[in-house]
Amino acid sequence: QVQLLASGGGLVQPGGSLNLSCATSGIHFSILPMGWFRQAPGKRRELVARITRFGDIIYSDSVQGRFTISRDNAKSTLYLRMTSLKPEDTAVYYCNELPPDNPWGQGTQVTVSS
């Protein structure tokens, strides 16, 4: 059974930081390209960061320079370090393999507001 358990979200002021984690099971994490996605209210889910098994990374323009994706293959866990957060970063954040063939997990809510 595939499980993608994102955690670490919360309420933060603009300019603040958060560290997200996504613990996975039931997938061959170490060989898969993985991504962080987000979905804001009324908007489509979007890919914000991706990392290959070799550590090659691509960010969306909206988060480039502010977010850092990383992975721990031994722990089958994906991470997202988010800094200089903006109100427009408010969304539910999810992880999934690429392409996202697995059922989406519960996600973790990130709210950026003063």
Protein backbone atom coordinates (compact mmCIF):
# COMPACT_ATOMS: atom_id res chain seq x y z
CA GLN A 1 0.00 0.00 0.00
CA VAL A 2 1.38 3.37 -1.05
CA GLN A 3 1.58 6.04 1.65
CA LEU A 4 2.73 9.61 1.10
CA LEU A 5 2.56 11.46 4.43
CA ALA A 6 3.40 15.13 4.21
CA SER A 7 3.96 17.07 7.43
CA GLY A 8 5.50 20.26 8.79
CA GLY A 9 3.01 22.82 7.57
CA GLY A 10 1.52 25.57 9.65
CA LEU A 11 0.79 29.26 9.97
CA VAL A 12 3.73 31.57 9.35
CA GLN A 13 4.16 35.29 8.80
CA PRO A 14 5.38 36.65 5.46
CA GLY A 15 9.15 36.32 5.28
CA GLY A 16 9.12 33.31 7.56
CA SER A 17 10.32 29.76 6.98
CA LEU A 18 8.98 26.22 7.22
CA ASN A 19 10.44 22.77 6.75
CA LEU A 20 8.22 20.14 5.17
CA SER A 21 8.78 16.40 5.19
CA CYS A 22 7.11 13.63 3.23
CA ALA A 23 7.52 10.12 4.57
CA THR A 24 6.83 7.50 1.94
CA SER A 25 6.23 3.77 1.90
CA GLY A 26 5.13 1.26 -0.68
CA ILE A 27 7.15 2.84 -3.49
CA HIS A 28 10.71 2.33 -4.73
CA PHE A 29 11.64 5.75 -3.40
CA SER A 30 15.39 5.56 -3.99
CA ILE A 31 15.07 5.13 -7.76
CA LEU A 32 12.16 7.47 -8.40
CA PRO A 33 12.13 11.11 -9.41
CA MET A 34 10.07 12.90 -6.75
CA GLY A 35 8.28 16.20 -6.59
CA TRP A 36 6.59 18.65 -4.26
CA PHE A 37 3.25 19.93 -5.44
CA ARG A 38 0.86 22.49 -4.04
CA GLN A 39 -2.77 23.39 -4.51
CA ALA A 40 -4.18 26.72 -3.49
CA PRO A 41 -7.93 27.25 -3.03
CA GLY A 42 -9.68 27.46 -6.38
CA LYS A 43 -6.51 26.67 -8.31
CA ARG A 44 -5.07 23.62 -10.00
CA ARG A 45 -2.38 21.55 -8.34
CA GLU A 46 1.06 22.66 -9.50
CA LEU A 47 4.55 21.19 -9.34
CA VAL A 48 6.94 23.49 -7.46
CA ALA A 49 10.10 21.40 -7.13
CA ARG A 50 11.44 18.14 -8.44
CA ILE A 51 14.49 15.99 -7.73
CA THR A 52 15.80 12.94 -9.56
CA ARG A 53 17.40 9.91 -8.00
CA PHE A 54 20.74 11.46 -8.90
CA GLY A 55 19.96 14.76 -7.18
CA ASP A 56 19.21 16.83 -10.26
CA ILE A 57 16.79 19.56 -9.23
CA ILE A 58 14.35 21.88 -10.98
CA TYR A 59 12.20 24.56 -9.35
CA SER A 60 9.25 26.48 -10.64
CA ASP A 61 9.91 30.15 -11.28
CA SER A 62 7.62 31.08 -8.41
CA VAL A 63 9.80 29.39 -5.77
CA GLN A 64 13.27 29.50 -7.35
CA GLY A 65 15.79 30.87 -4.87
CA ARG A 66 13.46 30.50 -1.88
CA PHE A 67 12.69 26.77 -1.66
CA THR A 68 15.14 23.88 -1.39
CA ILE A 69 14.17 20.30 -2.15
CA SER A 70 16.17 17.36 -0.86
CA ARG A 71 15.80 13.65 -0.28
CA ASP A 72 17.03 10.94 2.07
CA ASN A 73 16.87 7.66 0.19
CA ALA A 74 17.76 5.64 3.29
CA LYS A 75 14.66 7.02 5.03
CA SER A 76 12.46 7.14 1.90
CA THR A 77 11.71 10.74 2.81
CA LEU A 78 11.44 13.90 0.75
CA TYR A 79 12.03 17.37 2.19
CA LEU A 80 11.21 20.94 1.28
CA ARG A 81 12.87 23.86 2.99
CA MET A 82 10.80 27.00 2.39
CA THR A 83 12.16 30.45 3.17
CA SER A 84 11.08 34.03 2.46
CA LEU A 85 7.51 32.82 2.39
CA LYS A 86 4.87 34.95 0.69
CA PRO A 87 1.08 34.99 1.06
CA GLU A 88 0.84 33.47 -2.42
CA ASP A 89 2.64 30.38 -1.12
CA THR A 90 -0.46 29.55 0.89
CA ALA A 91 -1.65 26.11 -0.24
CA VAL A 92 -1.85 22.45 0.67
CA TYR A 93 1.49 20.84 -0.13
CA TYR A 94 1.86 17.27 -1.33
CA CYS A 95 4.62 14.99 -2.51
CA ASN A 96 4.43 12.33 -5.18
CA GLU A 97 6.61 10.51 -7.62
CA LEU A 98 6.96 11.89 -11.14
CA PRO A 99 4.79 11.50 -13.03
CA PRO A 100 2.32 11.43 -10.12
CA ASP A 101 0.85 7.97 -10.64
CA ASN A 102 0.09 7.30 -6.97
CA PRO A 103 -3.01 8.34 -5.06
CA TRP A 104 -2.43 11.70 -3.41
CA GLY A 105 -1.75 11.67 0.29
CA GLN A 106 -3.32 13.97 2.86
CA GLY A 107 -1.01 16.90 2.21
CA THR A 108 0.03 19.53 4.72
CA GLN A 109 -1.47 23.01 4.95
CA VAL A 110 0.84 26.01 4.67
CA THR A 111 -0.69 29.39 5.46
CA VAL A 112 1.34 32.56 5.07
CA SER A 113 -0.40 35.49 6.69
CA SER A 114 0.25 38.36 9.03
